[in-house]
Amino acid sequence: MKYPIGIQSFEELRKGGYVYVDKTAQIYELVTTSAYDMLSRPNCFSKSLLLSTMKAYFEGKKELFKGLAVEKLEKDWKQYPVLYLDLNKNNSPYDRKECLDEVLIIRYRTMI
């Protein structure tokens, strides 16, 4: 068994064959039963992995969810445009306003 120490990408975790505790039924319920939600969790409690999982779900990446609960629950697997901003200090290209503007403009153009 491979444990995903330090891996925060759902896609990398699934493609790499790492252990994954399936919470996709809860994600499906969250997405299909409510209009607005506030997701708040303390540091080091997989916020990034949760958001990465939701990103893959909204992008319609059905193949990543093979064998997970949501595979049986979701019937449509629609693709939605996703604006995903990673604001981790070690990873952030948004340290200046101009950089953020550029990323948003590029992403917006790919979504329309």
N, C-alpha and C. Protein backbone atom coordinates (compact mmCIF):
# COMPACT_ATOMS: atom_id res chain seq x y z
N MET A 1 0.84 -1.18 0.00
CA MET A 1 0.00 0.00 0.00
C MET A 1 0.88 1.24 0.00
N LYS A 2 0.52 2.18 -0.85
CA LYS A 2 1.26 3.43 -0.93
C LYS A 2 0.44 4.53 -0.26
N TYR A 3 1.06 5.22 0.69
CA TYR A 3 0.38 6.30 1.39
C TYR A 3 0.74 7.64 0.75
N PRO A 4 -0.24 8.51 0.56
CA PRO A 4 -0.02 9.76 -0.15
C PRO A 4 0.52 10.88 0.74
N ILE A 5 1.66 10.68 1.34
CA ILE A 5 2.25 11.69 2.21
C ILE A 5 2.59 12.93 1.39
N GLY A 6 1.97 14.05 1.72
CA GLY A 6 2.27 15.32 1.06
C GLY A 6 1.62 15.51 -0.31
N ILE A 7 0.82 14.56 -0.76
CA ILE A 7 0.16 14.70 -2.06
C ILE A 7 -1.19 15.38 -1.85
N GLN A 8 -1.38 16.49 -2.56
CA GLN A 8 -2.61 17.26 -2.42
C GLN A 8 -3.43 17.27 -3.70
N SER A 9 -3.00 16.55 -4.69
CA SER A 9 -3.70 16.49 -5.98
C SER A 9 -4.46 15.18 -6.08
N PHE A 10 -5.79 15.28 -6.23
CA PHE A 10 -6.63 14.10 -6.37
C PHE A 10 -6.21 13.28 -7.59
N GLU A 11 -5.94 13.97 -8.69
CA GLU A 11 -5.57 13.28 -9.92
C GLU A 11 -4.25 12.51 -9.74
N GLU A 12 -3.27 13.15 -9.13
CA GLU A 12 -1.98 12.48 -8.88
C GLU A 12 -2.16 11.30 -7.93
N LEU A 13 -2.98 11.47 -6.93
CA LEU A 13 -3.24 10.41 -5.94
C LEU A 13 -3.88 9.20 -6.60
N ARG A 14 -4.89 9.43 -7.43
CA ARG A 14 -5.60 8.33 -8.07
C ARG A 14 -4.76 7.64 -9.14
N LYS A 15 -4.07 8.42 -9.95
CA LYS A 15 -3.24 7.84 -11.01
C LYS A 15 -2.03 7.12 -10.44
N GLY A 16 -1.58 7.55 -9.26
CA GLY A 16 -0.41 6.94 -8.64
C GLY A 16 -0.72 5.70 -7.82
N GLY A 17 -2.00 5.36 -7.67
CA GLY A 17 -2.38 4.15 -6.94
C GLY A 17 -2.21 4.27 -5.43
N TYR A 18 -2.35 5.48 -4.91
CA TYR A 18 -2.21 5.69 -3.46
C TYR A 18 -3.49 5.33 -2.73
N VAL A 19 -3.37 5.11 -1.44
CA VAL A 19 -4.53 4.87 -0.59
C VAL A 19 -5.37 6.14 -0.58
N TYR A 20 -6.68 5.98 -0.73
CA TYR A 20 -7.60 7.11 -0.72
C TYR A 20 -8.82 6.74 0.10
N VAL A 21 -9.14 7.52 1.13
CA VAL A 21 -10.34 7.31 1.91
C VAL A 21 -11.48 7.98 1.15
N ASP A 22 -12.41 7.19 0.68
CA ASP A 22 -13.46 7.67 -0.22
C ASP A 22 -14.48 8.54 0.51
N LYS A 23 -14.48 9.81 0.17
CA LYS A 23 -15.47 10.77 0.68
C LYS A 23 -16.32 11.32 -0.46
N THR A 24 -16.32 10.63 -1.60
CA THR A 24 -17.00 11.17 -2.77
C THR A 24 -18.52 11.16 -2.63
N ALA A 25 -19.07 10.27 -1.81
CA ALA A 25 -20.52 10.29 -1.59
C ALA A 25 -20.91 11.59 -0.89
N GLN A 26 -20.09 12.04 0.04
CA GLN A 26 -20.36 13.30 0.74
C GLN A 26 -20.21 14.50 -0.21
N ILE A 27 -19.23 14.43 -1.10
CA ILE A 27 -19.05 15.49 -2.09
C ILE A 27 -20.27 15.55 -3.00
N TYR A 28 -20.73 14.40 -3.46
CA TYR A 28 -21.92 14.35 -4.31
C TYR A 28 -23.13 14.95 -3.59
N GLU A 29 -23.32 14.58 -2.34
CA GLU A 29 -24.43 15.12 -1.56
C GLU A 29 -24.31 16.64 -1.41
N LEU A 30 -23.12 17.11 -1.12
CA LEU A 30 -22.87 18.54 -0.98
C LEU A 30 -23.22 19.28 -2.28
N VAL A 31 -22.80 18.74 -3.39
CA VAL A 31 -22.99 19.38 -4.70
C VAL A 31 -24.45 19.36 -5.14
N THR A 32 -25.15 18.30 -4.83
CA THR A 32 -26.51 18.13 -5.37
C THR A 32 -27.61 18.62 -4.44
N THR A 33 -27.32 18.93 -3.19
CA THR A 33 -28.40 19.27 -2.26
C THR A 33 -28.35 20.70 -1.73
N SER A 34 -27.32 21.45 -2.04
CA SER A 34 -27.26 22.80 -1.47
C SER A 34 -26.83 23.82 -2.52
N ALA A 35 -27.22 25.06 -2.27
CA ALA A 35 -26.88 26.14 -3.20
C ALA A 35 -25.57 26.81 -2.82
N TYR A 36 -25.36 27.09 -1.56
CA TYR A 36 -24.15 27.76 -1.09
C TYR A 36 -23.61 27.04 0.13
N ASP A 37 -22.30 26.94 0.20
CA ASP A 37 -21.67 26.29 1.35
C ASP A 37 -20.39 27.00 1.71
N MET A 38 -20.06 26.99 2.96
CA MET A 38 -18.78 27.50 3.46
C MET A 38 -17.99 26.28 3.94
N LEU A 39 -16.86 26.03 3.32
CA LEU A 39 -16.03 24.90 3.71
C LEU A 39 -14.86 25.42 4.52
N SER A 40 -14.83 25.07 5.78
CA SER A 40 -13.78 25.56 6.67
C SER A 40 -13.21 24.38 7.44
N ARG A 41 -11.91 24.22 7.35
CA ARG A 41 -11.25 23.15 8.09
C ARG A 41 -9.92 23.68 8.60
N PRO A 42 -9.44 23.17 9.72
CA PRO A 42 -8.14 23.63 10.24
C PRO A 42 -6.99 23.25 9.31
N ASN A 43 -5.85 23.86 9.52
CA ASN A 43 -4.66 23.51 8.75
C ASN A 43 -4.36 22.02 8.85
N CYS A 44 -3.79 21.49 7.81
CA CYS A 44 -3.35 20.07 7.74
C CYS A 44 -4.51 19.08 7.78
N PHE A 45 -5.69 19.49 7.32
CA PHE A 45 -6.82 18.57 7.28
C PHE A 45 -7.38 18.41 5.88
N SER A 46 -6.53 18.37 4.90
CA SER A 46 -6.87 17.99 3.52
C SER A 46 -7.83 18.93 2.80
N LYS A 47 -7.78 20.22 3.09
CA LYS A 47 -8.60 21.18 2.33
C LYS A 47 -8.20 21.14 0.86
N SER A 48 -6.91 21.14 0.60
CA SER A 48 -6.43 21.15 -0.78
C SER A 48 -6.86 19.90 -1.52
N LEU A 49 -6.79 18.75 -0.88
CA LEU A 49 -7.21 17.50 -1.52
C LEU A 49 -8.72 17.51 -1.79
N LEU A 50 -9.50 18.02 -0.85
CA LEU A 50 -10.94 18.11 -1.05
C LEU A 50 -11.26 18.99 -2.26
N LEU A 51 -10.64 20.15 -2.34
CA LEU A 51 -10.90 21.06 -3.46
C LEU A 51 -10.39 20.48 -4.78
N SER A 52 -9.27 19.78 -4.74
CA SER A 52 -8.75 19.13 -5.93
C SER A 52 -9.71 18.03 -6.42
N THR A 53 -10.31 17.32 -5.47
CA THR A 53 -11.29 16.28 -5.81
C THR A 53 -12.53 16.92 -6.44
N MET A 54 -12.99 18.03 -5.86
CA MET A 54 -14.15 18.72 -6.41
C MET A 54 -13.85 19.29 -7.79
N LYS A 55 -12.64 19.76 -7.99
CA LYS A 55 -12.23 20.27 -9.30
C LYS A 55 -12.33 19.16 -10.35
N ALA A 56 -11.79 17.98 -10.04
CA ALA A 56 -11.85 16.85 -10.97
C ALA A 56 -13.29 16.44 -11.24
N TYR A 57 -14.12 16.49 -10.21
CA TYR A 57 -15.54 16.15 -10.35
C TYR A 57 -16.23 17.12 -11.31
N PHE A 58 -16.03 18.42 -11.09
CA PHE A 58 -16.68 19.42 -11.94
C PHE A 58 -16.11 19.44 -13.36
N GLU A 59 -14.89 19.02 -13.53
CA GLU A 59 -14.32 18.92 -14.87
C GLU A 59 -14.77 17.66 -15.60
N GLY A 60 -15.55 16.83 -14.90
CA GLY A 60 -16.12 15.63 -15.52
C GLY A 60 -15.12 14.51 -15.74
N LYS A 61 -14.10 14.43 -14.92
CA LYS A 61 -13.05 13.41 -15.08
C LYS A 61 -13.49 12.08 -14.47
N LYS A 62 -14.46 11.48 -15.10
CA LYS A 62 -15.09 10.25 -14.62
C LYS A 62 -14.08 9.13 -14.35
N GLU A 63 -13.07 9.03 -15.19
CA GLU A 63 -12.10 7.94 -15.06
C GLU A 63 -11.36 7.96 -13.73
N LEU A 64 -11.21 9.13 -13.12
CA LEU A 64 -10.52 9.24 -11.82
C LEU A 64 -11.37 8.71 -10.68
N PHE A 65 -12.66 8.58 -10.89
CA PHE A 65 -13.59 8.18 -9.84
C PHE A 65 -14.00 6.72 -9.94
N LYS A 66 -13.32 5.97 -10.79
CA LYS A 66 -13.63 4.56 -10.96
C LYS A 66 -13.44 3.82 -9.63
N GLY A 67 -14.49 3.10 -9.23
CA GLY A 67 -14.45 2.33 -7.99
C GLY A 67 -14.83 3.13 -6.75
N LEU A 68 -15.10 4.42 -6.90
CA LEU A 68 -15.49 5.25 -5.77
C LEU A 68 -17.01 5.42 -5.74
N ALA A 69 -17.55 5.84 -4.61
CA ALA A 69 -18.99 5.94 -4.42
C ALA A 69 -19.67 6.80 -5.47
N VAL A 70 -19.06 7.93 -5.83
CA VAL A 70 -19.70 8.86 -6.77
C VAL A 70 -19.85 8.26 -8.17
N GLU A 71 -19.06 7.26 -8.49
CA GLU A 71 -19.19 6.62 -9.80
C GLU A 71 -20.59 6.05 -9.99
N LYS A 72 -21.17 5.52 -8.91
CA LYS A 72 -22.52 4.95 -8.98
C LYS A 72 -23.61 6.01 -8.80
N LEU A 73 -23.28 7.10 -8.14
CA LEU A 73 -24.27 8.13 -7.85
C LEU A 73 -24.48 9.10 -9.01
N GLU A 74 -23.40 9.50 -9.64
CA GLU A 74 -23.47 10.51 -10.72
C GLU A 74 -23.87 9.84 -12.02
N LYS A 75 -24.89 10.39 -12.66
CA LYS A 75 -25.36 9.83 -13.93
C LYS A 75 -24.94 10.67 -15.13
N ASP A 76 -24.78 11.98 -14.94
CA ASP A 76 -24.56 12.88 -16.08
C ASP A 76 -23.10 13.14 -16.41
N TRP A 77 -22.24 13.31 -15.43
CA TRP A 77 -20.83 13.63 -15.62
C TRP A 77 -20.64 14.81 -16.59
N LYS A 78 -21.30 15.91 -16.28
CA LYS A 78 -21.16 17.13 -17.07
C LYS A 78 -19.82 17.79 -16.78
N GLN A 79 -19.33 18.51 -17.75
CA GLN A 79 -18.10 19.29 -17.58
C GLN A 79 -18.48 20.75 -17.37
N TYR A 80 -17.88 21.36 -16.36
CA TYR A 80 -18.10 22.77 -16.05
C TYR A 80 -16.76 23.49 -16.09
N PRO A 81 -16.78 24.76 -16.45
CA PRO A 81 -15.53 25.53 -16.35
C PRO A 81 -15.18 25.71 -14.87
N VAL A 82 -13.92 25.53 -14.54
CA VAL A 82 -13.47 25.61 -13.16
C VAL A 82 -12.37 26.66 -13.04
N LEU A 83 -12.56 27.56 -12.14
CA LEU A 83 -11.52 28.53 -11.81
C LEU A 83 -10.92 28.09 -10.49
N TYR A 84 -9.71 27.57 -10.54
CA TYR A 84 -9.05 26.97 -9.37
C TYR A 84 -7.80 27.78 -9.08
N LEU A 85 -7.84 28.51 -7.99
CA LEU A 85 -6.69 29.32 -7.59
C LEU A 85 -6.00 28.66 -6.41
N ASP A 86 -4.76 28.26 -6.59
CA ASP A 86 -3.97 27.67 -5.51
C ASP A 86 -3.19 28.79 -4.84
N LEU A 87 -3.55 29.11 -3.62
CA LEU A 87 -2.93 30.23 -2.91
C LEU A 87 -1.91 29.77 -1.87
N ASN A 88 -1.43 28.54 -1.98
CA ASN A 88 -0.37 28.08 -1.08
C ASN A 88 0.86 28.97 -1.26
N LYS A 89 1.48 29.33 -0.16
CA LYS A 89 2.63 30.24 -0.21
C LYS A 89 3.76 29.70 -1.07
N ASN A 90 4.01 28.42 -0.99
CA ASN A 90 5.13 27.82 -1.73
C ASN A 90 4.84 27.72 -3.22
N ASN A 91 3.60 27.82 -3.59
CA ASN A 91 3.14 27.48 -4.93
C ASN A 91 2.53 28.64 -5.69
N SER A 92 2.33 29.78 -5.02
CA SER A 92 1.46 30.81 -5.56
C SER A 92 2.12 31.69 -6.62
N PRO A 93 1.54 31.73 -7.83
CA PRO A 93 2.01 32.67 -8.85
C PRO A 93 1.30 34.02 -8.71
N TYR A 94 0.54 34.20 -7.63
CA TYR A 94 -0.29 35.39 -7.47
C TYR A 94 0.30 36.38 -6.48
N ASP A 95 1.62 36.47 -6.42
CA ASP A 95 2.25 37.33 -5.44
C ASP A 95 2.16 38.81 -5.81
N ARG A 96 1.78 39.09 -7.03
CA ARG A 96 1.58 40.47 -7.48
C ARG A 96 0.25 40.55 -8.21
N LYS A 97 -0.38 41.71 -8.15
CA LYS A 97 -1.67 41.91 -8.79
C LYS A 97 -1.61 41.60 -10.29
N GLU A 98 -0.53 42.00 -10.94
CA GLU A 98 -0.41 41.78 -12.39
C GLU A 98 -0.42 40.28 -12.71
N CYS A 99 0.21 39.49 -11.87
CA CYS A 99 0.25 38.04 -12.10
C CYS A 99 -1.15 37.44 -11.97
N LEU A 100 -1.87 37.86 -10.95
CA LEU A 100 -3.23 37.36 -10.76
C LEU A 100 -4.12 37.78 -11.92
N ASP A 101 -4.02 39.04 -12.34
CA ASP A 101 -4.80 39.51 -13.48
C ASP A 101 -4.53 38.67 -14.72
N GLU A 102 -3.27 38.39 -14.98
CA GLU A 102 -2.89 37.61 -16.16
C GLU A 102 -3.48 36.20 -16.10
N VAL A 103 -3.38 35.55 -14.94
CA VAL A 103 -3.92 34.20 -14.78
C VAL A 103 -5.44 34.21 -14.98
N LEU A 104 -6.12 35.20 -14.40
CA LEU A 104 -7.57 35.28 -14.53
C LEU A 104 -8.00 35.53 -15.98
N ILE A 105 -7.29 36.38 -16.67
CA ILE A 105 -7.63 36.68 -18.07
C ILE A 105 -7.42 35.44 -18.94
N ILE A 106 -6.30 34.77 -18.78
CA ILE A 106 -6.02 33.55 -19.55
C ILE A 106 -7.07 32.48 -19.26
N ARG A 107 -7.38 32.29 -17.98
CA ARG A 107 -8.36 31.26 -17.59
C ARG A 107 -9.75 31.61 -18.12
N TYR A 108 -10.12 32.89 -18.04
CA TYR A 108 -11.42 33.32 -18.54
C TYR A 108 -11.56 33.04 -20.03
N ARG A 109 -10.51 33.29 -20.76
CA ARG A 109 -10.56 33.05 -22.22
C ARG A 109 -10.74 31.58 -22.55
N THR A 110 -10.18 30.70 -21.75
CA THR A 110 -10.32 29.27 -22.02
C THR A 110 -11.70 28.76 -21.59
N MET A 111 -12.39 29.52 -20.74
CA MET A 111 -13.71 29.09 -20.25
C MET A 111 -14.85 29.52 -21.17
N ILE A 112 -14.61 30.53 -22.04
CA ILE A 112 -15.71 31.00 -22.89
C ILE A 112 -15.66 30.37 -24.27
